[in-house]
Amino acid sequence: MRCPICKSPVPDDDDDARPRTYPFCSERCKLIDLGRWLDGKYQIPVVEDDLEEGDPTAPPGFGSDDE
């Protein structure tokens, strides 16, 4: 396996050789990845529904603020 940040090889087949920072090769790469998450550089895409309130095909409770 390769480190997701710097692409250097990281042992993954033997638990004794696997670093504590797995899947990263070092603490530095681990912190770089954390910083990217905290800065919002990694994002999970969101797909907006085309359903509107009052749409008969909308699931029950869609668009209601009663809860």
PDB file of N, CA and C in Angstrom:
ATOM      1  N   MET A   1       0.842  -1.181   0.000  1.00  0.00           N
ATOM      2  CA  MET A   1       0.000   0.000   0.000  1.00  0.00           C
ATOM      3  C   MET A   1       0.885   1.242   0.000  1.00  0.00           C
ATOM      4  N   ARG A   2       0.338   2.332  -0.507  1.00  0.00           N
ATOM      5  CA  ARG A   2       1.064   3.596  -0.527  1.00  0.00           C
ATOM      6  C   ARG A   2       0.364   4.605   0.374  1.00  0.00           C
ATOM      7  N   CYS A   3       1.168   5.469   0.974  1.00  0.00           N
ATOM      8  CA  CYS A   3       0.648   6.532   1.836  1.00  0.00           C
ATOM      9  C   CYS A   3      -0.239   7.450   0.988  1.00  0.00           C
ATOM     10  N   PRO A   4      -1.456   7.755   1.451  1.00  0.00           N
ATOM     11  CA  PRO A   4      -2.349   8.603   0.658  1.00  0.00           C
ATOM     12  C   PRO A   4      -1.828  10.035   0.464  1.00  0.00           C
ATOM     13  N   ILE A   5      -0.897  10.484   1.282  1.00  0.00           N
ATOM     14  CA  ILE A   5      -0.397  11.857   1.186  1.00  0.00           C
ATOM     15  C   ILE A   5       0.864  11.940   0.333  1.00  0.00           C
ATOM     16  N   CYS A   6       1.910  11.198   0.705  1.00  0.00           N
ATOM     17  CA  CYS A   6       3.200  11.340   0.016  1.00  0.00           C
ATOM     18  C   CYS A   6       3.499  10.202  -0.958  1.00  0.00           C
ATOM     19  N   LYS A   7       2.652   9.191  -0.961  1.00  0.00           N
ATOM     20  CA  LYS A   7       2.767   8.038  -1.880  1.00  0.00           C
ATOM     21  C   LYS A   7       3.962   7.132  -1.613  1.00  0.00           C
ATOM     22  N   SER A   8       4.600   7.249  -0.454  1.00  0.00           N
ATOM     23  CA  SER A   8       5.693   6.324  -0.140  1.00  0.00           C
ATOM     24  C   SER A   8       5.095   4.993   0.314  1.00  0.00           C
ATOM     25  N   PRO A   9       5.816   3.886   0.140  1.00  0.00           N
ATOM     26  CA  PRO A   9       5.286   2.571   0.511  1.00  0.00           C
ATOM     27  C   PRO A   9       5.048   2.455   2.023  1.00  0.00           C
ATOM     28  N   VAL A  10       3.929   1.808   2.376  1.00  0.00           N
ATOM     29  CA  VAL A  10       3.585   1.567   3.777  1.00  0.00           C
ATOM     30  C   VAL A  10       3.269   0.079   3.898  1.00  0.00           C
ATOM     31  N   PRO A  11       3.986  -0.641   4.777  1.00  0.00           N
ATOM     32  CA  PRO A  11       3.695  -2.075   4.929  1.00  0.00           C
ATOM     33  C   PRO A  11       2.288  -2.268   5.467  1.00  0.00           C
ATOM     34  N   ASP A  12       1.545  -3.202   4.854  1.00  0.00           N
ATOM     35  CA  ASP A  12       0.189  -3.434   5.318  1.00  0.00           C
ATOM     36  C   ASP A  12      -0.149  -4.906   5.512  1.00  0.00           C
ATOM     37  N   ASP A  13       0.785  -5.789   5.204  1.00  0.00           N
ATOM     38  CA  ASP A  13       0.464  -7.205   5.284  1.00  0.00           C
ATOM     39  C   ASP A  13       0.855  -7.845   6.613  1.00  0.00           C
ATOM     40  N   ASP A  14       1.733  -7.243   7.361  1.00  0.00           N
ATOM     41  CA  ASP A  14       2.208  -7.816   8.619  1.00  0.00           C
ATOM     42  C   ASP A  14       1.953  -6.814   9.745  1.00  0.00           C
ATOM     43  N   ASP A  15       1.232  -7.228  10.764  1.00  0.00           N
ATOM     44  CA  ASP A  15       0.900  -6.325  11.862  1.00  0.00           C
ATOM     45  C   ASP A  15       2.132  -5.795  12.581  1.00  0.00           C
ATOM     46  N   ASP A  16       3.216  -6.562  12.622  1.00  0.00           N
ATOM     47  CA  ASP A  16       4.429  -6.118  13.316  1.00  0.00           C
ATOM     48  C   ASP A  16       5.135  -4.987  12.564  1.00  0.00           C
ATOM     49  N   ALA A  17       5.063  -5.006  11.239  1.00  0.00           N
ATOM     50  CA  ALA A  17       5.746  -3.991  10.437  1.00  0.00           C
ATOM     51  C   ALA A  17       4.856  -2.779  10.164  1.00  0.00           C
ATOM     52  N   ARG A  18       3.575  -2.914  10.417  1.00  0.00           N
ATOM     53  CA  ARG A  18       2.630  -1.823  10.134  1.00  0.00           C
ATOM     54  C   ARG A  18       2.861  -0.676  11.114  1.00  0.00           C
ATOM     55  N   PRO A  19       3.022   0.559  10.615  1.00  0.00           N
ATOM     56  CA  PRO A  19       3.258   1.695  11.517  1.00  0.00           C
ATOM     57  C   PRO A  19       2.004   2.054  12.324  1.00  0.00           C
ATOM     58  N   ARG A  20       2.201   2.699  13.445  1.00  0.00           N
ATOM     59  CA  ARG A  20       1.090   3.142  14.288  1.00  0.00           C
ATOM     60  C   ARG A  20       0.191   4.123  13.551  1.00  0.00           C
ATOM     61  N   THR A  21       0.743   4.797  12.574  1.00  0.00           N
ATOM     62  CA  THR A  21       0.020   5.822  11.836  1.00  0.00           C
ATOM     63  C   THR A  21      -0.689   5.280  10.590  1.00  0.00           C
ATOM     64  N   TYR A  22      -0.732   3.962  10.446  1.00  0.00           N
ATOM     65  CA  TYR A  22      -1.341   3.321   9.277  1.00  0.00           C
ATOM     66  C   TYR A  22      -2.727   3.892   9.024  1.00  0.00           C
ATOM     67  N   PRO A  23      -3.101   4.232   7.810  1.00  0.00           N
ATOM     68  CA  PRO A  23      -2.494   3.941   6.517  1.00  0.00           C
ATOM     69  C   PRO A  23      -1.467   4.978   6.074  1.00  0.00           C
ATOM     70  N   PHE A  24      -1.114   5.898   6.956  1.00  0.00           N
ATOM     71  CA  PHE A  24      -0.110   6.902   6.626  1.00  0.00           C
ATOM     72  C   PHE A  24       1.269   6.387   7.005  1.00  0.00           C
ATOM     73  N   CYS A  25       2.301   6.914   6.347  1.00  0.00           N
ATOM     74  CA  CYS A  25       3.659   6.442   6.610  1.00  0.00           C
ATOM     75  C   CYS A  25       4.250   7.095   7.857  1.00  0.00           C
ATOM     76  N   SER A  26       3.727   8.265   8.252  1.00  0.00           N
ATOM     77  CA  SER A  26       4.312   8.981   9.381  1.00  0.00           C
ATOM     78  C   SER A  26       3.255   9.855  10.055  1.00  0.00           C
ATOM     79  N   GLU A  27       3.612  10.365  11.213  1.00  0.00           N
ATOM     80  CA  GLU A  27       2.741  11.285  11.944  1.00  0.00           C
ATOM     81  C   GLU A  27       2.528  12.565  11.122  1.00  0.00           C
ATOM     82  N   ARG A  28       3.562  12.979  10.416  1.00  0.00           N
ATOM     83  CA  ARG A  28       3.474  14.186   9.579  1.00  0.00           C
ATOM     84  C   ARG A  28       2.374  14.039   8.535  1.00  0.00           C
ATOM     85  N   CYS A  29       2.360  12.932   7.804  1.00  0.00           N
ATOM     86  CA  CYS A  29       1.346  12.714   6.771  1.00  0.00           C
ATOM     87  C   CYS A  29      -0.047  12.585   7.392  1.00  0.00           C
ATOM     88  N   LYS A  30      -0.114  11.976   8.536  1.00  0.00           N
ATOM     89  CA  LYS A  30      -1.390  11.842   9.250  1.00  0.00           C
ATOM     90  C   LYS A  30      -1.947  13.221   9.598  1.00  0.00           C
ATOM     91  N   LEU A  31      -1.098  14.129  10.082  1.00  0.00           N
ATOM     92  CA  LEU A  31      -1.537  15.475  10.455  1.00  0.00           C
ATOM     93  C   LEU A  31      -1.884  16.324   9.231  1.00  0.00           C
ATOM     94  N   ILE A  32      -1.174  16.119   8.136  1.00  0.00           N
ATOM     95  CA  ILE A  32      -1.510  16.821   6.892  1.00  0.00           C
ATOM     96  C   ILE A  32      -2.921  16.440   6.462  1.00  0.00           C
ATOM     97  N   ASP A  33      -3.239  15.156   6.520  1.00  0.00           N
ATOM     98  CA  ASP A  33      -4.562  14.685   6.144  1.00  0.00           C
ATOM     99  C   ASP A  33      -5.636  15.267   7.062  1.00  0.00           C
ATOM    100  N   LEU A  34      -5.379  15.276   8.357  1.00  0.00           N
ATOM    101  CA  LEU A  34      -6.319  15.854   9.311  1.00  0.00           C
ATOM    102  C   LEU A  34      -6.549  17.333   9.010  1.00  0.00           C
ATOM    103  N   GLY A  35      -5.489  18.059   8.728  1.00  0.00           N
ATOM    104  CA  GLY A  35      -5.605  19.471   8.391  1.00  0.00           C
ATOM    105  C   GLY A  35      -6.452  19.700   7.149  1.00  0.00           C
ATOM    106  N   ARG A  36      -6.328  18.827   6.176  1.00  0.00           N
ATOM    107  CA  ARG A  36      -7.135  18.949   4.958  1.00  0.00           C
ATOM    108  C   ARG A  36      -8.617  18.749   5.264  1.00  0.00           C
ATOM    109  N   TRP A  37      -8.920  17.786   6.124  1.00  0.00           N
ATOM    110  CA  TRP A  37     -10.314  17.570   6.525  1.00  0.00           C
ATOM    111  C   TRP A  37     -10.846  18.798   7.256  1.00  0.00           C
ATOM    112  N   LEU A  38     -10.061  19.325   8.200  1.00  0.00           N
ATOM    113  CA  LEU A  38     -10.509  20.460   8.994  1.00  0.00           C
ATOM    114  C   LEU A  38     -10.654  21.734   8.168  1.00  0.00           C
ATOM    115  N   ASP A  39      -9.854  21.880   7.122  1.00  0.00           N
ATOM    116  CA  ASP A  39      -9.943  23.044   6.241  1.00  0.00           C
ATOM    117  C   ASP A  39     -11.069  22.915   5.217  1.00  0.00           C
ATOM    118  N   GLY A  40     -11.708  21.748   5.162  1.00  0.00           N
ATOM    119  CA  GLY A  40     -12.802  21.538   4.221  1.00  0.00           C
ATOM    120  C   GLY A  40     -12.355  21.201   2.816  1.00  0.00           C
ATOM    121  N   LYS A  41     -11.111  20.764   2.667  1.00  0.00           N
ATOM    122  CA  LYS A  41     -10.621  20.415   1.332  1.00  0.00           C
ATOM    123  C   LYS A  41     -11.187  19.082   0.851  1.00  0.00           C
ATOM    124  N   TYR A  42     -11.560  18.228   1.770  1.00  0.00           N
ATOM    125  CA  TYR A  42     -12.234  16.985   1.417  1.00  0.00           C
ATOM    126  C   TYR A  42     -13.714  17.223   1.673  1.00  0.00           C
ATOM    127  N   GLN A  43     -14.529  16.914   0.682  1.00  0.00           N
ATOM    128  CA  GLN A  43     -15.958  17.101   0.840  1.00  0.00           C
ATOM    129  C   GLN A  43     -16.687  15.896   0.287  1.00  0.00           C
ATOM    130  N   ILE A  44     -17.778  15.570   0.919  1.00  0.00           N
ATOM    131  CA  ILE A  44     -18.636  14.492   0.437  1.00  0.00           C
ATOM    132  C   ILE A  44     -19.689  15.143  -0.449  1.00  0.00           C
ATOM    133  N   PRO A  45     -19.803  14.712  -1.710  1.00  0.00           N
ATOM    134  CA  PRO A  45     -20.771  15.347  -2.600  1.00  0.00           C
ATOM    135  C   PRO A  45     -22.202  15.112  -2.122  1.00  0.00           C
ATOM    136  N   VAL A  46     -23.033  16.130  -2.294  1.00  0.00           N
ATOM    137  CA  VAL A  46     -24.431  16.058  -1.904  1.00  0.00           C
ATOM    138  C   VAL A  46     -25.275  16.174  -3.160  1.00  0.00           C
ATOM    139  N   VAL A  47     -26.241  15.278  -3.301  1.00  0.00           N
ATOM    140  CA  VAL A  47     -27.150  15.326  -4.431  1.00  0.00           C
ATOM    141  C   VAL A  47     -28.470  15.892  -3.929  1.00  0.00           C
ATOM    142  N   GLU A  48     -28.867  17.000  -4.496  1.00  0.00           N
ATOM    143  CA  GLU A  48     -30.126  17.634  -4.105  1.00  0.00           C
ATOM    144  C   GLU A  48     -31.287  16.875  -4.724  1.00  0.00           C
ATOM    145  N   ASP A  49     -32.349  16.682  -3.938  1.00  0.00           N
ATOM    146  CA  ASP A  49     -33.564  16.072  -4.453  1.00  0.00           C
ATOM    147  C   ASP A  49     -34.347  17.101  -5.251  1.00  0.00           C
ATOM    148  N   ASP A  50     -34.999  16.656  -6.304  1.00  0.00           N
ATOM    149  CA  ASP A  50     -35.825  17.544  -7.104  1.00  0.00           C
ATOM    150  C   ASP A  50     -37.256  17.613  -6.568  1.00  0.00           C
ATOM    151  N   LEU A  51     -37.520  16.968  -5.433  1.00  0.00           N
ATOM    152  CA  LEU A  51     -38.863  16.944  -4.874  1.00  0.00           C
ATOM    153  C   LEU A  51     -39.203  18.279  -4.241  1.00  0.00           C
ATOM    154  N   GLU A  52     -40.438  18.672  -4.400  1.00  0.00           N
ATOM    155  CA  GLU A  52     -40.909  19.909  -3.794  1.00  0.00           C
ATOM    156  C   GLU A  52     -41.984  19.584  -2.769  1.00  0.00           C
ATOM    157  N   GLU A  53     -42.200  20.501  -1.839  1.00  0.00           N
ATOM    158  CA  GLU A  53     -43.235  20.315  -0.833  1.00  0.00           C
ATOM    159  C   GLU A  53     -44.583  20.220  -1.541  1.00  0.00           C
ATOM    160  N   GLY A  54     -45.402  19.260  -1.117  1.00  0.00           N
ATOM    161  CA  GLY A  54     -46.705  19.052  -1.732  1.00  0.00           C
ATOM    162  C   GLY A  54     -46.653  18.121  -2.925  1.00  0.00           C
ATOM    163  N   ASP A  55     -45.489  17.642  -3.300  1.00  0.00           N
ATOM    164  CA  ASP A  55     -45.335  16.705  -4.402  1.00  0.00           C
ATOM    165  C   ASP A  55     -45.909  15.366  -3.977  1.00  0.00           C
ATOM    166  N   PRO A  56     -46.850  14.771  -4.739  1.00  0.00           N
ATOM    167  CA  PRO A  56     -47.452  13.493  -4.337  1.00  0.00           C
ATOM    168  C   PRO A  56     -46.462  12.335  -4.310  1.00  0.00           C
ATOM    169  N   THR A  57     -45.322  12.474  -4.976  1.00  0.00           N
ATOM    170  CA  THR A  57     -44.319  11.395  -4.959  1.00  0.00           C
ATOM    171  C   THR A  57     -43.322  11.560  -3.829  1.00  0.00           C
ATOM    172  N   ALA A  58     -43.444  12.655  -3.068  1.00  0.00           N
ATOM    173  CA  ALA A  58     -42.526  12.903  -1.945  1.00  0.00           C
ATOM    174  C   ALA A  58     -42.825  11.929  -0.808  1.00  0.00           C
ATOM    175  N   PRO A  59     -41.806  11.488  -0.071  1.00  0.00           N
ATOM    176  CA  PRO A  59     -42.035  10.591   1.057  1.00  0.00           C
ATOM    177  C   PRO A  59     -42.842  11.300   2.144  1.00  0.00           C
ATOM    178  N   PRO A  60     -43.573  10.527   2.988  1.00  0.00           N
ATOM    179  CA  PRO A  60     -44.372  11.131   4.055  1.00  0.00           C
ATOM    180  C   PRO A  60     -43.507  11.996   4.965  1.00  0.00           C
ATOM    181  N   GLY A  61     -44.006  13.179   5.294  1.00  0.00           N
ATOM    182  CA  GLY A  61     -43.293  14.075   6.184  1.00  0.00           C
ATOM    183  C   GLY A  61     -42.276  14.962   5.491  1.00  0.00           C
ATOM    184  N   PHE A  62     -42.095  14.793   4.172  1.00  0.00           N
ATOM    185  CA  PHE A  62     -41.118  15.594   3.451  1.00  0.00           C
ATOM    186  C   PHE A  62     -41.558  17.050   3.442  1.00  0.00           C
ATOM    187  N   GLY A  63     -40.685  17.923   3.881  1.00  0.00           N
ATOM    188  CA  GLY A  63     -40.954  19.354   3.843  1.00  0.00           C
ATOM    189  C   GLY A  63     -41.782  19.863   5.004  1.00  0.00           C
ATOM    190  N   SER A  64     -42.128  18.994   5.953  1.00  0.00           N
ATOM    191  CA  SER A  64     -42.910  19.479   7.098  1.00  0.00           C
ATOM    192  C   SER A  64     -41.998  19.862   8.227  1.00  0.00           C
ATOM    193  N   ASP A  65     -42.349  20.920   8.920  1.00  0.00           N
ATOM    194  CA  ASP A  65     -41.564  21.397  10.058  1.00  0.00           C
ATOM    195  C   ASP A  65     -42.258  21.064  11.364  1.00  0.00           C
ATOM    196  N   ASP A  66     -43.182  20.109  11.368  1.00  0.00           N
ATOM    197  CA  ASP A  66     -43.981  19.777  12.545  1.00  0.00           C
ATOM    198  C   ASP A  66     -43.200  19.039  13.608  1.00  0.00           C
ATOM    199  N   GLU A  67     -42.061  18.461  13.296  1.00  0.00           N
ATOM    200  CA  GLU A  67     -41.333  17.618  14.244  1.00  0.00           C
ATOM    201  C   GLU A  67     -40.542  18.386  15.225  1.00  0.00           C
TER     202      GLU A  67
END
